[in-house]
Amino acid sequence: MTTNRPSDARLAAARYEVERVAPPDPKADDEANAGQPTMDQRARIVEIAIQQAQRRGDFDGLPGAGKPLTGLDGVRDPDWWIRRKIERENLTGIGPPALTLRAEDRGLDERLDGVASETAVRELLEDFNRRVREARRQLQGGPPVVTPTRDVDAEVCAWRERRVERWRVVDEQRRREAEELASMSWRQRRRARRRV
């Protein structure tokens, strides 16, 4: 039974090439392997198919070409695939709690900076700490939770300092803009307002 697929034609050409180079051994053909290529012939067929694919350029431009292999550092992580998928696709809220809490911990300061009141900052931190403690108590398995809890009072102080610094930068920018406007003529100020 023959089909008209191109891969079958290539396979047939590779088999022909192998049979031409090394004719089949009649002693190796017994009743169980009648008509089947030997292991040596199979290896040659595969090698010829690879060489043909290289000549056609099937292996050119593959992702990761010319780059070192990752994950050869000797540390065996059984959850490498889920971690890589979450990082590659920037997924949030799914996966083992150990990984989601670690990702949330990395972006927690930025999230806190977006909050307007101290009580909201405290609520966010207490919720985060509660979820870290619950994940540490889990008995379902999975990777260990190494994310530390946050000291609420220290984080609130750091949030205040960052907020004061942000306001200082905004005030400085406004002062510079006011000085710039003051040094302009009335026509230049009018043109500047039109651009905005």
N, C-alpha and C. Protein backbone atom coordinates (compact mmCIF):
# COMPACT_ATOMS: atom_id res chain seq x y z
N MET A 1 0.85 -1.18 0.00
CA MET A 1 0.00 0.00 0.00
C MET A 1 0.89 1.23 0.00
N THR A 2 0.73 2.06 -0.96
CA THR A 2 1.52 3.28 -1.05
C THR A 2 0.60 4.48 -1.03
N THR A 3 1.08 5.53 -0.40
CA THR A 3 0.34 6.79 -0.39
C THR A 3 1.17 7.83 -1.09
N ASN A 4 0.55 8.93 -1.46
CA ASN A 4 1.25 9.96 -2.21
C ASN A 4 1.76 11.09 -1.33
N ARG A 5 2.03 10.79 -0.08
CA ARG A 5 2.56 11.83 0.80
C ARG A 5 4.04 12.03 0.53
N PRO A 6 4.54 13.29 0.64
CA PRO A 6 5.95 13.54 0.37
C PRO A 6 6.88 12.83 1.35
N SER A 7 6.45 12.64 2.60
CA SER A 7 7.33 11.99 3.57
C SER A 7 7.54 10.53 3.19
N ASP A 8 6.51 9.88 2.60
CA ASP A 8 6.67 8.50 2.17
C ASP A 8 7.67 8.41 1.02
N ALA A 9 7.64 9.37 0.11
CA ALA A 9 8.59 9.37 -1.00
C ALA A 9 10.02 9.55 -0.48
N ARG A 10 10.17 10.42 0.50
CA ARG A 10 11.51 10.63 1.08
C ARG A 10 11.98 9.37 1.80
N LEU A 11 11.06 8.73 2.52
CA LEU A 11 11.40 7.51 3.24
C LEU A 11 11.78 6.40 2.25
N ALA A 12 11.01 6.32 1.18
CA ALA A 12 11.31 5.31 0.16
C ALA A 12 12.68 5.57 -0.47
N ALA A 13 12.99 6.85 -0.72
CA ALA A 13 14.30 7.19 -1.28
C ALA A 13 15.41 6.84 -0.30
N ALA A 14 15.19 7.08 0.98
CA ALA A 14 16.19 6.74 1.98
C ALA A 14 16.38 5.23 2.06
N ARG A 15 15.28 4.47 2.00
CA ARG A 15 15.39 3.00 2.02
C ARG A 15 16.15 2.50 0.79
N TYR A 16 15.83 3.08 -0.35
CA TYR A 16 16.53 2.68 -1.59
C TYR A 16 18.02 2.94 -1.45
N GLU A 17 18.37 4.11 -0.89
CA GLU A 17 19.78 4.46 -0.72
C GLU A 17 20.47 3.48 0.21
N VAL A 18 19.80 3.07 1.28
CA VAL A 18 20.39 2.12 2.23
C VAL A 18 20.56 0.75 1.56
N GLU A 19 19.53 0.31 0.82
CA GLU A 19 19.62 -1.00 0.17
C GLU A 19 20.68 -1.01 -0.92
N ARG A 20 20.87 0.14 -1.56
CA ARG A 20 21.88 0.22 -2.61
C ARG A 20 23.28 0.13 -2.00
N VAL A 21 23.47 0.79 -0.85
CA VAL A 21 24.78 0.80 -0.20
C VAL A 21 25.05 -0.54 0.47
N ALA A 22 24.08 -1.05 1.20
CA ALA A 22 24.27 -2.33 1.92
C ALA A 22 23.06 -3.22 1.63
N PRO A 23 23.21 -4.21 0.80
CA PRO A 23 22.07 -5.09 0.52
C PRO A 23 21.64 -5.83 1.79
N PRO A 24 20.36 -6.17 1.90
CA PRO A 24 19.89 -6.83 3.11
C PRO A 24 20.56 -8.18 3.30
N ASP A 25 20.82 -8.50 4.57
CA ASP A 25 21.47 -9.75 4.94
C ASP A 25 20.40 -10.85 4.97
N PRO A 26 20.52 -11.89 4.10
CA PRO A 26 19.48 -12.93 4.08
C PRO A 26 19.42 -13.72 5.37
N LYS A 27 20.52 -13.84 6.10
CA LYS A 27 20.52 -14.58 7.36
C LYS A 27 19.73 -13.85 8.43
N ALA A 28 19.70 -12.50 8.36
CA ALA A 28 18.98 -11.73 9.38
C ALA A 28 17.48 -11.81 9.19
N ASP A 29 17.04 -12.13 7.96
CA ASP A 29 15.61 -12.21 7.71
C ASP A 29 15.11 -13.59 8.13
N ASP A 30 14.42 -13.63 9.23
CA ASP A 30 13.74 -14.85 9.63
C ASP A 30 12.24 -14.60 9.53
N GLU A 31 11.45 -15.47 9.97
CA GLU A 31 10.00 -15.34 9.82
C GLU A 31 9.44 -14.12 10.55
N ALA A 32 9.97 -13.78 11.73
CA ALA A 32 9.44 -12.65 12.51
C ALA A 32 9.81 -11.32 11.89
N ASN A 33 10.97 -11.21 11.27
CA ASN A 33 11.44 -9.94 10.72
C ASN A 33 11.44 -9.94 9.20
N ALA A 34 10.64 -10.73 8.59
CA ALA A 34 10.62 -10.83 7.13
C ALA A 34 10.25 -9.48 6.52
N GLY A 35 11.12 -8.95 5.69
CA GLY A 35 10.87 -7.69 5.01
C GLY A 35 11.17 -6.45 5.84
N GLN A 36 11.55 -6.58 7.09
CA GLN A 36 11.85 -5.43 7.95
C GLN A 36 13.34 -5.13 7.89
N PRO A 37 13.71 -3.85 7.90
CA PRO A 37 15.14 -3.52 7.90
C PRO A 37 15.78 -3.85 9.25
N THR A 38 17.06 -4.14 9.21
CA THR A 38 17.79 -4.44 10.44
C THR A 38 18.06 -3.15 11.20
N MET A 39 18.57 -3.26 12.40
CA MET A 39 18.87 -2.08 13.22
C MET A 39 19.91 -1.20 12.54
N ASP A 40 20.89 -1.81 11.92
CA ASP A 40 21.92 -1.04 11.22
C ASP A 40 21.30 -0.28 10.04
N GLN A 41 20.40 -0.94 9.32
CA GLN A 41 19.73 -0.28 8.20
C GLN A 41 18.83 0.85 8.68
N ARG A 42 18.15 0.64 9.78
CA ARG A 42 17.30 1.69 10.35
C ARG A 42 18.13 2.92 10.72
N ALA A 43 19.28 2.68 11.33
CA ALA A 43 20.15 3.79 11.71
C ALA A 43 20.60 4.56 10.47
N ARG A 44 20.89 3.84 9.39
CA ARG A 44 21.30 4.51 8.15
C ARG A 44 20.13 5.31 7.55
N ILE A 45 18.92 4.73 7.61
CA ILE A 45 17.75 5.44 7.09
C ILE A 45 17.55 6.75 7.85
N VAL A 46 17.66 6.67 9.15
CA VAL A 46 17.49 7.87 9.97
C VAL A 46 18.57 8.89 9.67
N GLU A 47 19.80 8.44 9.55
CA GLU A 47 20.92 9.35 9.26
C GLU A 47 20.74 10.02 7.90
N ILE A 48 20.29 9.27 6.90
CA ILE A 48 20.06 9.85 5.57
C ILE A 48 18.92 10.86 5.63
N ALA A 49 17.86 10.53 6.36
CA ALA A 49 16.72 11.46 6.48
C ALA A 49 17.16 12.76 7.16
N ILE A 50 18.02 12.66 8.16
CA ILE A 50 18.52 13.87 8.85
C ILE A 50 19.38 14.70 7.90
N GLN A 51 20.24 14.05 7.15
CA GLN A 51 21.10 14.77 6.20
C GLN A 51 20.26 15.48 5.13
N GLN A 52 19.21 14.80 4.65
CA GLN A 52 18.35 15.42 3.65
C GLN A 52 17.63 16.63 4.24
N ALA A 53 17.17 16.51 5.46
CA ALA A 53 16.49 17.63 6.12
C ALA A 53 17.45 18.80 6.32
N GLN A 54 18.70 18.51 6.65
CA GLN A 54 19.68 19.58 6.80
C GLN A 54 19.93 20.28 5.47
N ARG A 55 20.02 19.52 4.38
CA ARG A 55 20.23 20.13 3.06
C ARG A 55 19.04 20.99 2.65
N ARG A 56 17.83 20.56 2.99
CA ARG A 56 16.63 21.34 2.66
C ARG A 56 16.50 22.57 3.54
N GLY A 57 17.21 22.59 4.68
CA GLY A 57 17.14 23.74 5.57
C GLY A 57 16.02 23.64 6.60
N ASP A 58 15.55 22.42 6.87
CA ASP A 58 14.47 22.25 7.84
C ASP A 58 14.90 22.61 9.26
N PHE A 59 16.19 22.59 9.54
CA PHE A 59 16.67 22.89 10.90
C PHE A 59 17.16 24.32 11.04
N ASP A 60 17.07 25.13 9.98
CA ASP A 60 17.52 26.51 10.04
C ASP A 60 16.48 27.38 10.75
N GLY A 61 16.94 28.28 11.57
CA GLY A 61 16.06 29.24 12.23
C GLY A 61 15.20 28.66 13.33
N LEU A 62 15.58 27.56 13.91
CA LEU A 62 14.80 27.01 15.02
C LEU A 62 14.99 27.88 16.27
N PRO A 63 13.97 27.98 17.14
CA PRO A 63 14.15 28.77 18.36
C PRO A 63 15.25 28.16 19.24
N GLY A 64 16.08 29.01 19.76
CA GLY A 64 17.17 28.55 20.62
C GLY A 64 18.43 28.18 19.87
N ALA A 65 18.45 28.35 18.55
CA ALA A 65 19.64 28.00 17.78
C ALA A 65 20.80 28.91 18.16
N GLY A 66 21.93 28.32 18.47
CA GLY A 66 23.11 29.09 18.82
C GLY A 66 23.13 29.58 20.25
N LYS A 67 22.13 29.21 21.03
CA LYS A 67 22.07 29.64 22.43
C LYS A 67 22.43 28.46 23.33
N PRO A 68 22.99 28.74 24.50
CA PRO A 68 23.32 27.63 25.40
C PRO A 68 22.05 26.98 25.96
N LEU A 69 22.15 25.72 26.28
CA LEU A 69 21.02 25.01 26.85
C LEU A 69 20.80 25.48 28.29
N THR A 70 19.54 25.69 28.64
CA THR A 70 19.23 26.13 30.00
C THR A 70 18.94 24.92 30.87
N GLY A 71 19.08 25.12 32.17
CA GLY A 71 18.74 24.07 33.12
C GLY A 71 19.81 23.03 33.32
N LEU A 72 21.04 23.31 32.91
CA LEU A 72 22.12 22.34 33.08
C LEU A 72 22.99 22.65 34.30
N ASP A 73 22.48 23.46 35.22
CA ASP A 73 23.27 23.88 36.37
C ASP A 73 23.36 22.81 37.45
N GLY A 74 22.71 21.68 37.28
CA GLY A 74 22.83 20.59 38.24
C GLY A 74 21.73 20.57 39.28
N VAL A 75 20.94 21.63 39.40
CA VAL A 75 19.86 21.66 40.38
C VAL A 75 18.63 21.03 39.73
N ARG A 76 18.11 19.98 40.34
CA ARG A 76 16.95 19.29 39.77
C ARG A 76 15.69 19.85 40.40
N ASP A 77 14.85 20.43 39.58
CA ASP A 77 13.59 20.99 40.04
C ASP A 77 12.46 20.21 39.39
N PRO A 78 11.66 19.48 40.15
CA PRO A 78 10.59 18.70 39.53
C PRO A 78 9.48 19.56 38.92
N ASP A 79 9.38 20.81 39.32
CA ASP A 79 8.32 21.69 38.81
C ASP A 79 8.85 22.71 37.81
N TRP A 80 9.94 22.36 37.12
CA TRP A 80 10.54 23.30 36.18
C TRP A 80 9.58 23.68 35.07
N TRP A 81 8.78 22.76 34.61
CA TRP A 81 7.92 23.02 33.46
C TRP A 81 6.81 24.00 33.79
N ILE A 82 6.23 23.88 34.98
CA ILE A 82 5.15 24.81 35.33
C ILE A 82 5.71 26.19 35.62
N ARG A 83 6.88 26.24 36.25
CA ARG A 83 7.50 27.52 36.54
C ARG A 83 7.85 28.25 35.23
N ARG A 84 8.42 27.52 34.27
CA ARG A 84 8.79 28.12 32.99
C ARG A 84 7.54 28.60 32.23
N LYS A 85 6.46 27.82 32.29
CA LYS A 85 5.22 28.20 31.60
C LYS A 85 4.63 29.47 32.21
N ILE A 86 4.62 29.55 33.54
CA ILE A 86 4.08 30.72 34.22
C ILE A 86 4.91 31.95 33.89
N GLU A 87 6.24 31.83 33.89
CA GLU A 87 7.10 32.97 33.58
C GLU A 87 6.98 33.38 32.12
N ARG A 88 6.95 32.39 31.21
CA ARG A 88 6.91 32.69 29.78
C ARG A 88 5.61 33.39 29.39
N GLU A 89 4.48 32.92 29.93
CA GLU A 89 3.19 33.47 29.54
C GLU A 89 2.68 34.52 30.54
N ASN A 90 3.50 34.83 31.54
CA ASN A 90 3.16 35.86 32.54
C ASN A 90 1.78 35.59 33.14
N LEU A 91 1.56 34.34 33.53
CA LEU A 91 0.29 33.94 34.12
C LEU A 91 0.27 34.32 35.59
N THR A 92 -0.88 34.75 36.06
CA THR A 92 -1.02 35.10 37.47
C THR A 92 -2.23 34.40 38.04
N GLY A 93 -2.15 34.05 39.31
CA GLY A 93 -3.29 33.49 40.00
C GLY A 93 -3.47 32.00 39.81
N ILE A 94 -2.61 31.34 39.02
CA ILE A 94 -2.74 29.89 38.86
C ILE A 94 -1.42 29.25 39.22
N GLY A 95 -1.46 27.98 39.51
CA GLY A 95 -0.26 27.25 39.85
C GLY A 95 -0.19 26.99 41.34
N PRO A 96 0.86 26.32 41.76
CA PRO A 96 1.02 26.04 43.18
C PRO A 96 1.19 27.33 43.97
N PRO A 97 0.68 27.36 45.21
CA PRO A 97 0.79 28.59 46.00
C PRO A 97 2.22 29.06 46.20
N ALA A 98 3.16 28.14 46.26
CA ALA A 98 4.56 28.54 46.45
C ALA A 98 5.02 29.44 45.30
N LEU A 99 4.63 29.12 44.09
CA LEU A 99 5.06 29.90 42.93
C LEU A 99 4.27 31.20 42.80
N THR A 100 2.98 31.15 43.03
CA THR A 100 2.17 32.37 42.90
C THR A 100 2.52 33.38 43.97
N LEU A 101 2.80 32.90 45.19
CA LEU A 101 3.18 33.84 46.27
C LEU A 101 4.54 34.46 45.99
N ARG A 102 5.45 33.67 45.42
CA ARG A 102 6.77 34.19 45.09
C ARG A 102 6.65 35.31 44.05
N ALA A 103 5.82 35.08 43.04
CA ALA A 103 5.62 36.09 41.99
C ALA A 103 4.93 37.33 42.57
N GLU A 104 3.97 37.12 43.47
CA GLU A 104 3.28 38.25 44.08
C GLU A 104 4.22 39.04 44.98
N ASP A 105 5.13 38.35 45.67
CA ASP A 105 6.08 39.01 46.56
C ASP A 105 7.00 39.94 45.77
N ARG A 106 7.39 39.52 44.53
CA ARG A 106 8.25 40.36 43.71
C ARG A 106 7.59 41.68 43.34
N GLY A 107 6.28 41.67 43.10
CA GLY A 107 5.60 42.88 42.68
C GLY A 107 4.80 43.57 43.76
N LEU A 108 5.01 43.16 45.02
CA LEU A 108 4.19 43.70 46.11
C LEU A 108 4.48 45.17 46.39
N ASP A 109 5.74 45.58 46.35
CA ASP A 109 6.07 47.00 46.61
C ASP A 109 5.41 47.91 45.58
N GLU A 110 5.45 47.50 44.33
CA GLU A 110 4.82 48.29 43.27
C GLU A 110 3.30 48.36 43.47
N ARG A 111 2.73 47.26 43.89
CA ARG A 111 1.29 47.23 44.16
C ARG A 111 0.94 48.12 45.35
N LEU A 112 1.79 48.11 46.36
CA LEU A 112 1.55 48.96 47.54
C LEU A 112 1.64 50.44 47.17
N ASP A 113 2.55 50.77 46.25
CA ASP A 113 2.71 52.17 45.85
C ASP A 113 1.47 52.71 45.15
N GLY A 114 0.65 51.82 44.60
CA GLY A 114 -0.56 52.26 43.94
C GLY A 114 -1.73 52.47 44.89
N VAL A 115 -1.54 52.16 46.17
CA VAL A 115 -2.61 52.29 47.17
C VAL A 115 -2.52 53.69 47.80
N ALA A 116 -3.69 54.27 48.08
CA ALA A 116 -3.73 55.67 48.53
C ALA A 116 -3.69 55.85 50.04
N SER A 117 -4.15 54.87 50.82
CA SER A 117 -4.23 55.09 52.27
C SER A 117 -3.43 54.05 53.04
N GLU A 118 -3.05 54.43 54.25
CA GLU A 118 -2.26 53.54 55.10
C GLU A 118 -3.07 52.32 55.53
N THR A 119 -4.37 52.49 55.78
CA THR A 119 -5.20 51.34 56.17
C THR A 119 -5.29 50.32 55.04
N ALA A 120 -5.37 50.79 53.81
CA ALA A 120 -5.42 49.86 52.67
C ALA A 120 -4.08 49.11 52.52
N VAL A 121 -2.98 49.79 52.81
CA VAL A 121 -1.66 49.15 52.76
C VAL A 121 -1.60 48.06 53.82
N ARG A 122 -2.05 48.37 55.03
CA ARG A 122 -2.05 47.37 56.12
C ARG A 122 -2.93 46.17 55.76
N GLU A 123 -4.11 46.43 55.19
CA GLU A 123 -4.99 45.32 54.81
C GLU A 123 -4.35 44.43 53.75
N LEU A 124 -3.71 45.04 52.76
CA LEU A 124 -3.02 44.25 51.72
C LEU A 124 -1.92 43.38 52.33
N LEU A 125 -1.12 43.96 53.20
CA LEU A 125 -0.01 43.22 53.81
C LEU A 125 -0.52 42.10 54.71
N GLU A 126 -1.57 42.37 55.49
CA GLU A 126 -2.10 41.33 56.37
C GLU A 126 -2.70 40.19 55.55
N ASP A 127 -3.36 40.51 54.45
CA ASP A 127 -3.91 39.46 53.58
C ASP A 127 -2.77 38.63 52.97
N PHE A 128 -1.71 39.29 52.53
CA PHE A 128 -0.56 38.58 51.95
C PHE A 128 0.06 37.65 52.99
N ASN A 129 0.30 38.16 54.20
CA ASN A 129 0.89 37.34 55.26
C ASN A 129 0.00 36.15 55.61
N ARG A 130 -1.31 36.36 55.64
CA ARG A 130 -2.25 35.28 55.96
C ARG A 130 -2.16 34.18 54.91
N ARG A 131 -2.09 34.55 53.63
CA ARG A 131 -2.01 33.55 52.57
C ARG A 131 -0.67 32.81 52.59
N VAL A 132 0.41 33.49 52.96
CA VAL A 132 1.72 32.82 53.07
C VAL A 132 1.67 31.79 54.19
N ARG A 133 1.10 32.16 55.34
CA ARG A 133 1.00 31.21 56.46
C ARG A 133 0.13 30.01 56.10
N GLU A 134 -0.99 30.24 55.40
CA GLU A 134 -1.86 29.14 54.98
C GLU A 134 -1.14 28.21 54.01
N ALA A 135 -0.37 28.77 53.11
CA ALA A 135 0.35 27.95 52.13
C ALA A 135 1.43 27.11 52.82
N ARG A 136 2.03 27.63 53.87
CA ARG A 136 3.04 26.87 54.60
C ARG A 136 2.42 25.69 55.32
N ARG A 137 1.16 25.82 55.74
CA ARG A 137 0.49 24.75 56.47
C ARG A 137 -0.14 23.70 55.56
N GLN A 138 -0.12 23.91 54.27
CA GLN A 138 -0.80 22.98 53.36
C GLN A 138 -0.19 21.59 53.45
N LEU A 139 -1.01 20.61 53.27
CA LEU A 139 -0.55 19.23 53.32
C LEU A 139 -0.75 18.55 51.96
N GLN A 140 -0.99 19.33 50.91
CA GLN A 140 -1.28 18.76 49.60
C GLN A 140 -0.02 18.47 48.81
N GLY A 141 1.11 18.81 49.29
CA GLY A 141 2.35 18.59 48.54
C GLY A 141 2.69 19.80 47.71
N GLY A 142 3.53 19.59 46.72
CA GLY A 142 3.97 20.70 45.88
C GLY A 142 5.28 21.26 46.38
N PRO A 143 5.78 22.27 45.71
CA PRO A 143 7.06 22.84 46.12
C PRO A 143 6.93 23.54 47.47
N PRO A 144 8.01 23.61 48.21
CA PRO A 144 7.95 24.27 49.52
C PRO A 144 7.76 25.78 49.37
N VAL A 145 7.10 26.35 50.35
CA VAL A 145 6.84 27.79 50.35
C VAL A 145 8.02 28.46 51.05
N VAL A 146 8.80 29.23 50.30
CA VAL A 146 9.97 29.91 50.87
C VAL A 146 9.76 31.41 50.92
N THR A 147 8.57 31.88 50.54
CA THR A 147 8.27 33.31 50.54
C THR A 147 8.14 33.78 51.99
N PRO A 148 8.90 34.80 52.38
CA PRO A 148 8.80 35.29 53.76
C PRO A 148 7.56 36.17 53.95
N THR A 149 7.08 36.20 55.17
CA THR A 149 6.01 37.14 55.49
C THR A 149 6.63 38.53 55.60
N ARG A 150 5.80 39.54 55.48
CA ARG A 150 6.27 40.92 55.53
C ARG A 150 5.94 41.52 56.88
N ASP A 151 6.88 42.30 57.43
CA ASP A 151 6.65 43.05 58.65
C ASP A 151 5.77 44.25 58.29
N VAL A 152 4.56 44.27 58.81
CA VAL A 152 3.57 45.27 58.40
C VAL A 152 4.04 46.68 58.73
N ASP A 153 4.52 46.90 59.97
CA ASP A 153 4.93 48.25 60.37
C ASP A 153 6.12 48.75 59.54
N ALA A 154 7.09 47.88 59.29
CA ALA A 154 8.25 48.29 58.50
C ALA A 154 7.84 48.59 57.06
N GLU A 155 6.93 47.80 56.52
CA GLU A 155 6.47 48.04 55.15
C GLU A 155 5.67 49.33 55.04
N VAL A 156 4.88 49.65 56.08
CA VAL A 156 4.12 50.90 56.06
C VAL A 156 5.07 52.09 56.10
N CYS A 157 6.13 51.99 56.91
CA CYS A 157 7.14 53.08 56.96
C CYS A 157 7.81 53.23 55.60
N ALA A 158 8.17 52.12 54.96
CA ALA A 158 8.81 52.19 53.64
C ALA A 158 7.83 52.77 52.62
N TRP A 159 6.55 52.42 52.73
CA TRP A 159 5.53 52.97 51.82
C TRP A 159 5.42 54.48 51.98
N ARG A 160 5.45 54.96 53.25
CA ARG A 160 5.40 56.41 53.51
C ARG A 160 6.60 57.12 52.89
N GLU A 161 7.79 56.54 53.07
CA GLU A 161 9.01 57.16 52.51
C GLU A 161 8.95 57.22 50.99
N ARG A 162 8.49 56.15 50.36
CA ARG A 162 8.37 56.16 48.90
C ARG A 162 7.34 57.19 48.44
N ARG A 163 6.25 57.31 49.22
CA ARG A 163 5.21 58.28 48.86
C ARG A 163 5.73 59.70 48.98
N VAL A 164 6.48 60.01 50.05
CA VAL A 164 7.07 61.34 50.22
C VAL A 164 8.03 61.63 49.08
N GLU A 165 8.82 60.65 48.69
CA GLU A 165 9.77 60.83 47.59
C GLU A 165 9.04 61.10 46.28
N ARG A 166 7.96 60.35 46.03
CA ARG A 166 7.18 60.59 44.80
C ARG A 166 6.61 62.00 44.79
N TRP A 167 6.07 62.46 45.93
CA TRP A 167 5.51 63.81 45.99
C TRP A 167 6.60 64.86 45.80
N ARG A 168 7.79 64.59 46.36
CA ARG A 168 8.90 65.53 46.18
C ARG A 168 9.27 65.66 44.71
N VAL A 169 9.31 64.54 43.99
CA VAL A 169 9.64 64.56 42.57
C VAL A 169 8.57 65.31 41.79
N VAL A 170 7.29 65.10 42.13
CA VAL A 170 6.20 65.79 41.43
C VAL A 170 6.27 67.29 41.70
N ASP A 171 6.52 67.68 42.96
CA ASP A 171 6.64 69.11 43.30
C ASP A 171 7.81 69.75 42.57
N GLU A 172 8.92 69.05 42.49
CA GLU A 172 10.11 69.57 41.78
C GLU A 172 9.79 69.77 40.30
N GLN A 173 9.09 68.83 39.70
CA GLN A 173 8.73 68.95 38.29
C GLN A 173 7.78 70.13 38.07
N ARG A 174 6.82 70.30 38.96
CA ARG A 174 5.89 71.42 38.84
C ARG A 174 6.61 72.76 39.00
N ARG A 175 7.57 72.80 39.93
CA ARG A 175 8.33 74.03 40.14
C ARG A 175 9.13 74.39 38.89
N ARG A 176 9.77 73.37 38.28
CA ARG A 176 10.54 73.61 37.05
C ARG A 176 9.65 74.11 35.92
N GLU A 177 8.46 73.51 35.79
CA GLU A 177 7.52 73.94 34.75
C GLU A 177 7.06 75.38 34.99
N ALA A 178 6.82 75.74 36.27
CA ALA A 178 6.40 77.11 36.58
C ALA A 178 7.51 78.10 36.26
N GLU A 179 8.77 77.76 36.59
CA GLU A 179 9.89 78.63 36.26
C GLU A 179 10.05 78.79 34.75
N GLU A 180 9.84 77.69 34.04
CA GLU A 180 9.94 77.72 32.59
C GLU A 180 8.88 78.64 31.99
N LEU A 181 7.65 78.53 32.50
CA LEU A 181 6.57 79.38 32.02
C LEU A 181 6.81 80.84 32.35
N ALA A 182 7.39 81.10 33.54
CA ALA A 182 7.65 82.48 33.94
C ALA A 182 8.71 83.13 33.05
N SER A 183 9.63 82.35 32.55
CA SER A 183 10.68 82.92 31.71
C SER A 183 10.23 83.12 30.26
N MET A 184 9.07 82.61 29.89
CA MET A 184 8.57 82.73 28.52
C MET A 184 7.78 84.02 28.33
N SER A 185 7.73 84.45 27.10
CA SER A 185 6.86 85.59 26.78
C SER A 185 5.42 85.10 26.74
N TRP A 186 4.47 86.03 26.68
CA TRP A 186 3.07 85.61 26.69
C TRP A 186 2.71 84.80 25.44
N ARG A 187 3.37 85.07 24.30
CA ARG A 187 3.11 84.29 23.08
C ARG A 187 3.65 82.86 23.21
N GLN A 188 4.82 82.73 23.79
CA GLN A 188 5.39 81.39 23.99
C GLN A 188 4.53 80.57 24.95
N ARG A 189 4.01 81.21 26.02
CA ARG A 189 3.13 80.51 26.96
C ARG A 189 1.86 80.05 26.26
N ARG A 190 1.31 80.92 25.40
CA ARG A 190 0.10 80.59 24.68
C ARG A 190 0.32 79.40 23.74
N ARG A 191 1.46 79.38 23.03
CA ARG A 191 1.79 78.26 22.15
C ARG A 191 2.00 76.97 22.96
N ALA A 192 2.62 77.09 24.11
CA ALA A 192 2.84 75.90 24.95
C ALA A 192 1.53 75.32 25.44
N ARG A 193 0.56 76.17 25.80
CA ARG A 193 -0.75 75.69 26.23
C ARG A 193 -1.49 75.01 25.09
N ARG A 194 -1.34 75.50 23.87
CA ARG A 194 -2.02 74.91 22.72
C ARG A 194 -1.48 73.51 22.44
N ARG A 195 -0.18 73.30 22.64
CA ARG A 195 0.43 71.99 22.40
C ARG A 195 -0.08 70.94 23.37
N VAL A 196 -0.40 71.40 24.59
CA VAL A 196 -0.87 70.45 25.60
C VAL A 196 -2.30 70.17 25.37
